[in-house]
N, C-alpha and C. Protein backbone atom coordinates (compact mmCIF):
# COMPACT_ATOMS: atom_id res chain seq x y z
N MET A 1 12.92 0.51 17.73
CA MET A 1 13.75 -0.53 18.24
C MET A 1 14.75 -0.93 17.27
N ALA A 2 15.89 -1.20 17.70
CA ALA A 2 17.09 -1.61 16.79
C ALA A 2 16.77 -2.99 16.31
N ALA A 3 17.26 -3.27 15.12
CA ALA A 3 17.01 -4.55 14.51
C ALA A 3 17.54 -5.74 15.34
N ALA A 4 18.71 -5.50 15.90
CA ALA A 4 19.30 -6.55 16.68
C ALA A 4 18.52 -6.86 17.89
N ASP A 5 17.90 -5.86 18.53
CA ASP A 5 17.05 -5.99 19.66
C ASP A 5 15.76 -6.75 19.32
N GLU A 6 15.23 -6.42 18.12
CA GLU A 6 14.03 -7.15 17.73
C GLU A 6 14.32 -8.57 17.43
N VAL A 7 15.43 -8.92 16.81
CA VAL A 7 15.79 -10.29 16.59
C VAL A 7 15.89 -11.06 17.89
N LYS A 8 16.51 -10.51 18.83
CA LYS A 8 16.66 -11.07 20.14
C LYS A 8 15.25 -11.31 20.88
N ARG A 9 14.36 -10.23 20.68
CA ARG A 9 13.07 -10.41 21.32
C ARG A 9 12.22 -11.51 20.58
N ILE A 10 12.35 -11.61 19.27
CA ILE A 10 11.58 -12.67 18.54
C ILE A 10 12.17 -13.98 18.95
N LEU A 11 13.44 -14.16 19.06
CA LEU A 11 14.06 -15.37 19.49
C LEU A 11 13.59 -15.75 21.02
N THR A 12 13.44 -14.75 21.86
CA THR A 12 13.08 -14.96 23.11
C THR A 12 11.54 -15.44 23.19
N LEU A 13 10.80 -14.67 22.41
CA LEU A 13 9.36 -15.03 22.29
C LEU A 13 9.05 -16.37 21.73
N THR A 14 9.96 -16.92 20.84
CA THR A 14 9.71 -18.23 20.20
C THR A 14 10.64 -19.24 20.87
N ARG A 15 11.15 -18.84 22.03
CA ARG A 15 12.08 -19.78 22.81
C ARG A 15 13.24 -20.41 22.00
N GLY A 16 13.69 -19.52 21.10
CA GLY A 16 14.88 -19.92 20.27
C GLY A 16 14.63 -20.80 19.15
N ASP A 17 13.28 -21.07 18.92
CA ASP A 17 12.91 -21.98 17.79
C ASP A 17 12.96 -21.24 16.50
N PRO A 18 13.96 -21.51 15.69
CA PRO A 18 14.03 -20.72 14.30
C PRO A 18 12.85 -20.84 13.46
N VAL A 19 12.21 -21.99 13.41
CA VAL A 19 10.99 -22.13 12.59
C VAL A 19 9.88 -21.20 13.02
N LYS A 20 9.65 -21.17 14.37
CA LYS A 20 8.57 -20.33 14.89
C LYS A 20 8.99 -18.86 14.61
N ALA A 21 10.26 -18.48 14.66
CA ALA A 21 10.70 -17.13 14.48
C ALA A 21 10.42 -16.76 13.04
N TYR A 22 10.78 -17.64 12.09
CA TYR A 22 10.54 -17.39 10.65
C TYR A 22 9.10 -17.26 10.50
N ASP A 23 8.29 -18.16 11.09
CA ASP A 23 6.83 -18.07 10.82
C ASP A 23 6.22 -16.75 11.31
N LEU A 24 6.78 -16.23 12.43
CA LEU A 24 6.31 -14.91 12.96
C LEU A 24 6.61 -13.78 11.91
N VAL A 25 7.86 -13.79 11.30
CA VAL A 25 8.12 -12.80 10.37
C VAL A 25 7.22 -12.96 9.05
N GLN A 26 7.01 -14.19 8.77
CA GLN A 26 6.18 -14.57 7.61
C GLN A 26 4.81 -14.12 7.79
N ALA A 27 4.22 -14.21 8.97
CA ALA A 27 2.98 -13.71 9.29
C ALA A 27 2.86 -12.17 9.09
N GLN A 28 3.92 -11.40 9.52
CA GLN A 28 4.00 -10.07 9.36
C GLN A 28 4.01 -9.73 7.90
N LEU A 29 4.78 -10.43 7.12
CA LEU A 29 4.84 -10.12 5.66
C LEU A 29 3.42 -10.36 5.06
N SER A 30 2.74 -11.34 5.54
CA SER A 30 1.48 -11.63 5.01
C SER A 30 0.47 -10.50 5.25
N VAL A 31 0.54 -9.83 6.43
CA VAL A 31 -0.22 -8.67 6.75
C VAL A 31 0.06 -7.54 5.69
N LEU A 32 1.28 -7.29 5.45
CA LEU A 32 1.65 -6.34 4.42
C LEU A 32 0.97 -6.63 3.11
N VAL A 33 1.04 -7.89 2.69
CA VAL A 33 0.43 -8.27 1.37
C VAL A 33 -1.12 -7.99 1.46
N LEU A 34 -1.74 -8.40 2.56
CA LEU A 34 -3.14 -8.26 2.63
C LEU A 34 -3.54 -6.78 2.57
N ARG A 35 -2.80 -5.99 3.27
CA ARG A 35 -3.23 -4.58 3.27
C ARG A 35 -3.00 -4.03 1.84
N THR A 36 -1.85 -4.48 1.15
CA THR A 36 -1.59 -3.93 -0.16
C THR A 36 -2.74 -4.40 -1.11
N GLN A 37 -3.26 -5.63 -0.93
CA GLN A 37 -4.36 -6.03 -1.79
C GLN A 37 -5.64 -5.29 -1.48
N VAL A 38 -5.93 -4.82 -0.25
CA VAL A 38 -7.06 -3.95 0.03
C VAL A 38 -6.88 -2.65 -0.66
N MET A 39 -5.63 -2.00 -0.57
CA MET A 39 -5.45 -0.71 -1.28
C MET A 39 -5.51 -0.93 -2.78
N LEU A 40 -5.07 -1.96 -3.29
CA LEU A 40 -5.19 -2.21 -4.78
C LEU A 40 -6.69 -2.36 -5.20
N SER A 41 -7.45 -3.08 -4.35
CA SER A 41 -8.89 -3.15 -4.65
C SER A 41 -9.56 -1.76 -4.64
N LEU A 42 -9.29 -0.97 -3.60
CA LEU A 42 -9.77 0.43 -3.59
C LEU A 42 -9.36 1.24 -4.78
N SER A 43 -8.14 1.05 -5.25
CA SER A 43 -7.62 1.75 -6.38
C SER A 43 -8.42 1.37 -7.65
N GLY A 44 -8.73 -0.04 -7.71
CA GLY A 44 -9.50 -0.46 -8.84
C GLY A 44 -10.90 0.13 -8.86
N ILE A 45 -11.47 0.36 -7.69
CA ILE A 45 -12.78 0.93 -7.63
C ILE A 45 -12.73 2.42 -8.15
N VAL A 46 -11.68 3.13 -7.74
CA VAL A 46 -11.53 4.51 -8.21
C VAL A 46 -11.38 4.55 -9.63
N ILE A 47 -10.56 3.70 -10.22
CA ILE A 47 -10.35 3.69 -11.62
C ILE A 47 -11.67 3.31 -12.33
N THR A 48 -12.45 2.38 -11.82
CA THR A 48 -13.72 1.94 -12.49
C THR A 48 -14.76 3.14 -12.44
N VAL A 49 -14.92 3.71 -11.33
CA VAL A 49 -15.84 4.81 -11.22
C VAL A 49 -15.45 6.01 -12.13
N THR A 50 -14.13 6.17 -12.21
CA THR A 50 -13.64 7.29 -13.19
C THR A 50 -14.04 6.94 -14.64
N GLY A 51 -13.99 5.69 -14.99
CA GLY A 51 -14.48 5.23 -16.26
C GLY A 51 -15.89 5.55 -16.44
N PHE A 52 -16.73 5.48 -15.52
CA PHE A 52 -18.16 5.68 -15.58
C PHE A 52 -18.54 7.08 -15.45
N SER A 53 -17.87 7.80 -14.50
CA SER A 53 -18.33 9.22 -14.34
C SER A 53 -17.24 10.27 -14.51
N GLY A 54 -16.05 9.83 -14.93
CA GLY A 54 -14.94 10.78 -15.13
C GLY A 54 -15.30 12.00 -16.07
N ARG A 55 -15.99 11.61 -17.18
CA ARG A 55 -16.31 12.57 -18.12
C ARG A 55 -17.25 13.71 -17.44
N THR A 56 -18.28 13.17 -16.76
CA THR A 56 -19.26 14.01 -16.12
C THR A 56 -18.55 14.89 -15.12
N ILE A 57 -17.71 14.31 -14.40
CA ILE A 57 -16.88 15.16 -13.34
C ILE A 57 -16.11 16.13 -14.04
N ALA A 58 -15.34 15.84 -15.13
CA ALA A 58 -14.44 16.67 -15.84
C ALA A 58 -15.20 17.83 -16.53
N GLN A 59 -16.51 17.63 -16.83
CA GLN A 59 -17.38 18.73 -17.50
C GLN A 59 -17.73 19.78 -16.47
N THR A 60 -17.66 19.45 -15.19
CA THR A 60 -17.99 20.43 -14.16
C THR A 60 -17.31 21.69 -14.24
N SER A 61 -15.94 21.68 -14.13
CA SER A 61 -15.15 22.88 -14.27
C SER A 61 -13.67 22.41 -14.55
N GLU A 62 -12.99 23.42 -14.80
CA GLU A 62 -11.44 23.11 -15.10
C GLU A 62 -10.78 22.55 -13.82
N LEU A 63 -11.13 23.13 -12.63
CA LEU A 63 -10.55 22.60 -11.41
C LEU A 63 -10.98 21.16 -11.18
N ALA A 64 -12.32 20.84 -11.40
CA ALA A 64 -12.72 19.47 -11.16
C ALA A 64 -11.95 18.52 -12.11
N ARG A 65 -11.88 18.92 -13.44
CA ARG A 65 -11.18 18.27 -14.46
C ARG A 65 -9.72 17.91 -14.04
N ASN A 66 -9.01 18.97 -13.56
CA ASN A 66 -7.64 18.78 -13.15
C ASN A 66 -7.54 17.84 -11.91
N LEU A 67 -8.49 18.09 -10.99
CA LEU A 67 -8.44 17.19 -9.73
C LEU A 67 -8.63 15.70 -10.05
N VAL A 68 -9.65 15.48 -10.93
CA VAL A 68 -10.01 14.06 -11.25
C VAL A 68 -8.83 13.45 -11.99
N ALA A 69 -8.18 14.26 -12.86
CA ALA A 69 -7.02 13.70 -13.62
C ALA A 69 -5.83 13.52 -12.70
N ALA A 70 -5.53 14.45 -11.82
CA ALA A 70 -4.53 14.33 -10.85
C ALA A 70 -4.69 13.19 -9.93
N GLY A 71 -5.99 13.11 -9.44
CA GLY A 71 -6.32 11.98 -8.54
C GLY A 71 -6.09 10.63 -9.09
N ILE A 72 -6.63 10.40 -10.33
CA ILE A 72 -6.40 9.09 -10.94
C ILE A 72 -5.00 8.75 -11.27
N LEU A 73 -4.24 9.76 -11.65
CA LEU A 73 -2.77 9.51 -11.84
C LEU A 73 -2.01 9.19 -10.55
N VAL A 74 -2.35 9.88 -9.49
CA VAL A 74 -1.72 9.66 -8.25
C VAL A 74 -2.13 8.32 -7.61
N VAL A 75 -3.35 7.89 -7.75
CA VAL A 75 -3.97 6.60 -7.38
C VAL A 75 -3.12 5.45 -8.15
N LEU A 76 -2.98 5.70 -9.52
CA LEU A 76 -2.19 4.77 -10.26
C LEU A 76 -0.75 4.68 -9.83
N GLY A 77 -0.11 5.87 -9.47
CA GLY A 77 1.16 5.81 -8.90
C GLY A 77 1.30 5.02 -7.60
N ALA A 78 0.27 5.14 -6.70
CA ALA A 78 0.15 4.41 -5.55
C ALA A 78 0.20 2.92 -5.83
N ALA A 79 -0.64 2.58 -6.76
CA ALA A 79 -0.78 1.14 -7.18
C ALA A 79 0.60 0.64 -7.66
N GLY A 80 1.20 1.44 -8.44
CA GLY A 80 2.57 1.05 -8.97
C GLY A 80 3.60 0.74 -7.82
N VAL A 81 3.59 1.69 -6.89
CA VAL A 81 4.54 1.53 -5.81
C VAL A 81 4.18 0.34 -5.06
N ALA A 82 2.92 0.07 -4.61
CA ALA A 82 2.52 -1.06 -3.98
C ALA A 82 2.89 -2.39 -4.70
N ILE A 83 2.68 -2.42 -5.97
CA ILE A 83 2.88 -3.66 -6.64
C ILE A 83 4.42 -3.90 -6.69
N GLY A 84 5.14 -2.84 -7.18
CA GLY A 84 6.63 -2.97 -7.38
C GLY A 84 7.41 -3.16 -6.01
N GLY A 85 6.82 -2.44 -4.97
CA GLY A 85 7.58 -2.54 -3.73
C GLY A 85 7.18 -3.58 -2.69
N VAL A 86 5.83 -3.83 -2.66
CA VAL A 86 5.31 -4.85 -1.59
C VAL A 86 5.14 -6.17 -2.24
N LEU A 87 4.59 -6.14 -3.48
CA LEU A 87 4.16 -7.45 -4.00
C LEU A 87 5.32 -8.13 -4.89
N ARG A 88 6.41 -7.44 -4.97
CA ARG A 88 7.56 -8.00 -5.66
C ARG A 88 7.97 -9.19 -4.90
N LEU A 89 8.18 -10.31 -5.60
CA LEU A 89 8.41 -11.57 -5.03
C LEU A 89 9.81 -11.86 -4.64
N ARG A 90 10.07 -12.09 -3.47
CA ARG A 90 11.37 -12.77 -2.96
C ARG A 90 10.98 -13.65 -1.90
N TRP A 91 11.41 -14.89 -2.02
CA TRP A 91 11.14 -15.92 -1.08
C TRP A 91 11.90 -15.84 0.17
N LEU A 92 11.38 -16.02 1.40
CA LEU A 92 12.10 -16.03 2.59
C LEU A 92 13.10 -17.09 2.65
N THR A 93 12.89 -18.18 1.99
CA THR A 93 13.91 -19.25 2.02
C THR A 93 15.18 -18.87 1.34
N GLN A 94 15.06 -17.84 0.49
CA GLN A 94 16.38 -17.26 -0.14
C GLN A 94 17.21 -16.59 0.91
N GLU A 95 16.70 -16.28 2.08
CA GLU A 95 17.41 -15.59 3.13
C GLU A 95 17.91 -16.50 4.13
N LEU A 96 17.66 -17.75 4.01
CA LEU A 96 18.10 -18.75 5.10
C LEU A 96 19.64 -18.91 5.00
N SER A 97 20.19 -18.98 6.26
CA SER A 97 21.53 -19.36 6.41
C SER A 97 21.78 -20.10 7.76
N ASP A 98 22.98 -20.54 8.00
CA ASP A 98 23.29 -21.18 9.24
C ASP A 98 23.15 -20.36 10.49
N ASP A 99 23.26 -19.02 10.26
CA ASP A 99 23.25 -18.09 11.42
C ASP A 99 21.81 -17.53 11.48
N THR A 100 21.07 -18.08 12.47
CA THR A 100 19.67 -17.80 12.72
C THR A 100 19.35 -16.33 12.95
N GLU A 101 20.24 -15.64 13.77
CA GLU A 101 20.01 -14.27 13.99
C GLU A 101 20.24 -13.38 12.72
N ALA A 102 21.25 -13.73 11.90
CA ALA A 102 21.52 -13.04 10.64
C ALA A 102 20.32 -13.26 9.61
N THR A 103 19.83 -14.45 9.65
CA THR A 103 18.76 -14.74 8.78
C THR A 103 17.46 -13.97 9.16
N ILE A 104 17.21 -13.95 10.41
CA ILE A 104 15.93 -13.19 10.96
C ILE A 104 16.21 -11.76 10.67
N SER A 105 17.33 -11.20 10.83
CA SER A 105 17.65 -9.83 10.67
C SER A 105 17.43 -9.48 9.11
N ARG A 106 17.79 -10.28 8.19
CA ARG A 106 17.62 -9.99 6.80
C ARG A 106 16.11 -10.02 6.47
N MET A 107 15.39 -10.96 7.15
CA MET A 107 14.02 -11.07 6.91
C MET A 107 13.26 -9.80 7.48
N LEU A 108 13.72 -9.38 8.59
CA LEU A 108 13.07 -8.11 9.14
C LEU A 108 13.43 -6.85 8.25
N ALA A 109 14.64 -6.85 7.72
CA ALA A 109 15.01 -5.79 6.75
C ALA A 109 14.04 -5.81 5.58
N MET A 110 13.73 -7.05 5.07
CA MET A 110 12.82 -7.26 3.93
C MET A 110 11.45 -6.65 4.38
N ARG A 111 11.02 -7.02 5.56
CA ARG A 111 9.68 -6.56 6.08
C ARG A 111 9.60 -5.10 6.17
N ASP A 112 10.69 -4.49 6.63
CA ASP A 112 10.73 -3.09 6.95
C ASP A 112 10.65 -2.32 5.59
N GLN A 113 11.39 -2.85 4.66
CA GLN A 113 11.48 -2.21 3.30
C GLN A 113 10.09 -2.24 2.67
N LYS A 114 9.42 -3.48 2.70
CA LYS A 114 8.03 -3.62 2.21
C LYS A 114 7.14 -2.72 2.87
N ALA A 115 7.30 -2.57 4.13
CA ALA A 115 6.36 -1.62 5.02
C ALA A 115 6.51 -0.21 4.58
N ARG A 116 7.79 0.24 4.29
CA ARG A 116 8.04 1.63 3.74
C ARG A 116 7.34 1.79 2.45
N TYR A 117 7.42 0.80 1.51
CA TYR A 117 6.79 0.87 0.20
C TYR A 117 5.29 1.03 0.40
N LEU A 118 4.72 0.18 1.35
CA LEU A 118 3.26 0.29 1.63
C LEU A 118 2.83 1.62 2.17
N ASN A 119 3.63 2.11 3.16
CA ASN A 119 3.26 3.52 3.67
C ASN A 119 3.33 4.57 2.56
N THR A 120 4.32 4.51 1.72
CA THR A 120 4.42 5.49 0.58
C THR A 120 3.15 5.28 -0.31
N ALA A 121 2.78 4.06 -0.64
CA ALA A 121 1.72 3.79 -1.59
C ALA A 121 0.41 4.30 -0.91
N LEU A 122 0.21 4.11 0.44
CA LEU A 122 -0.91 4.50 1.07
C LEU A 122 -1.07 6.10 1.22
N LEU A 123 0.03 6.71 1.39
CA LEU A 123 0.05 8.16 1.43
C LEU A 123 -0.29 8.72 -0.03
N LEU A 124 0.28 8.15 -1.03
CA LEU A 124 -0.10 8.53 -2.41
C LEU A 124 -1.54 8.26 -2.73
N PHE A 125 -2.01 7.11 -2.29
CA PHE A 125 -3.48 6.79 -2.47
C PHE A 125 -4.40 7.83 -1.75
N MET A 126 -4.05 8.22 -0.48
CA MET A 126 -4.83 9.14 0.23
C MET A 126 -4.91 10.48 -0.46
N VAL A 127 -3.77 10.93 -1.06
CA VAL A 127 -3.68 12.19 -1.72
C VAL A 127 -4.60 12.10 -3.09
N GLY A 128 -4.34 11.05 -3.80
CA GLY A 128 -5.07 10.91 -4.93
C GLY A 128 -6.55 10.74 -4.81
N PHE A 129 -6.85 9.95 -3.69
CA PHE A 129 -8.28 9.80 -3.36
C PHE A 129 -8.95 11.10 -2.93
N ALA A 130 -8.21 11.87 -2.23
CA ALA A 130 -8.77 13.28 -1.71
C ALA A 130 -8.94 14.12 -2.92
N CYS A 131 -8.01 14.18 -3.87
CA CYS A 131 -8.25 14.95 -5.18
C CYS A 131 -9.50 14.51 -5.77
N TYR A 132 -9.64 13.24 -5.89
CA TYR A 132 -10.81 12.58 -6.60
C TYR A 132 -12.12 12.95 -5.86
N CYS A 133 -12.13 12.97 -4.57
CA CYS A 133 -13.29 13.27 -3.73
C CYS A 133 -13.65 14.66 -3.84
N VAL A 134 -12.63 15.63 -3.96
CA VAL A 134 -12.89 17.03 -4.08
C VAL A 134 -13.47 17.26 -5.38
N ALA A 135 -13.06 16.63 -6.46
CA ALA A 135 -13.54 16.68 -7.85
C ALA A 135 -15.16 16.36 -7.84
N ILE A 136 -15.37 15.26 -7.10
CA ILE A 136 -16.78 14.83 -7.04
C ILE A 136 -17.62 15.79 -6.29
N ALA A 137 -17.06 16.32 -5.24
CA ALA A 137 -17.76 17.31 -4.36
C ALA A 137 -18.09 18.58 -5.28
N LEU A 138 -17.09 19.00 -6.07
CA LEU A 138 -17.41 20.04 -7.03
C LEU A 138 -18.48 19.79 -8.04
N MET A 139 -18.46 18.63 -8.57
CA MET A 139 -19.55 18.19 -9.47
C MET A 139 -20.94 18.26 -8.71
N LEU A 140 -21.03 17.70 -7.53
CA LEU A 140 -22.23 17.68 -6.78
C LEU A 140 -22.69 19.17 -6.46
N ALA A 141 -21.75 20.00 -6.13
CA ALA A 141 -22.10 21.34 -5.74
C ALA A 141 -22.60 22.15 -6.96
N ALA A 142 -22.09 21.69 -8.14
CA ALA A 142 -22.47 22.47 -9.37
C ALA A 142 -23.85 21.89 -9.91
N THR A 143 -24.33 20.89 -9.35
CA THR A 143 -25.52 20.31 -9.82
C THR A 143 -26.73 21.20 -9.43
N LYS A 144 -27.53 21.54 -10.40
CA LYS A 144 -28.73 22.42 -10.20
C LYS A 144 -29.84 21.50 -9.73
N VAL A 145 -30.50 21.98 -8.63
CA VAL A 145 -31.71 21.27 -8.05
C VAL A 145 -32.83 21.55 -8.93
N GLY A 146 -33.51 20.41 -9.33
CA GLY A 146 -34.80 20.51 -10.05
C GLY A 146 -34.52 20.92 -11.53
N GLY A 147 -33.42 20.86 -11.97
CA GLY A 147 -33.15 21.17 -13.37
C GLY A 147 -32.18 20.42 -13.99
């Protein structure tokens, strides 16, 4: 949907009330922040577990070592993109102007940019987490039963 069409639909939905329109966009931005926080929490768990078992995983094989190292670095990159792109602070009130449609359009552009950063961060996280999980699987597969 084109930005101008979305602005018009938001204003129709809110019956032309600028405050309700701003609140709607603010709620969408809040969803982005919440999802970013969840991803950062998962990243923290990956980093913590690596601190406890990273050495054991790395001792399994060269492949496991490379995967756990790559995984943790990619997860760190995902966290950096999320923090720098989604959690970077810019107040919606800085976008206010006398032109309601232009204001909402700028707010939607901000939302869309933050959504792109979050999508990139999530993709990086999934790649890093997959590397990490394969490294753990290698460690488990190399474990000798009863010995």
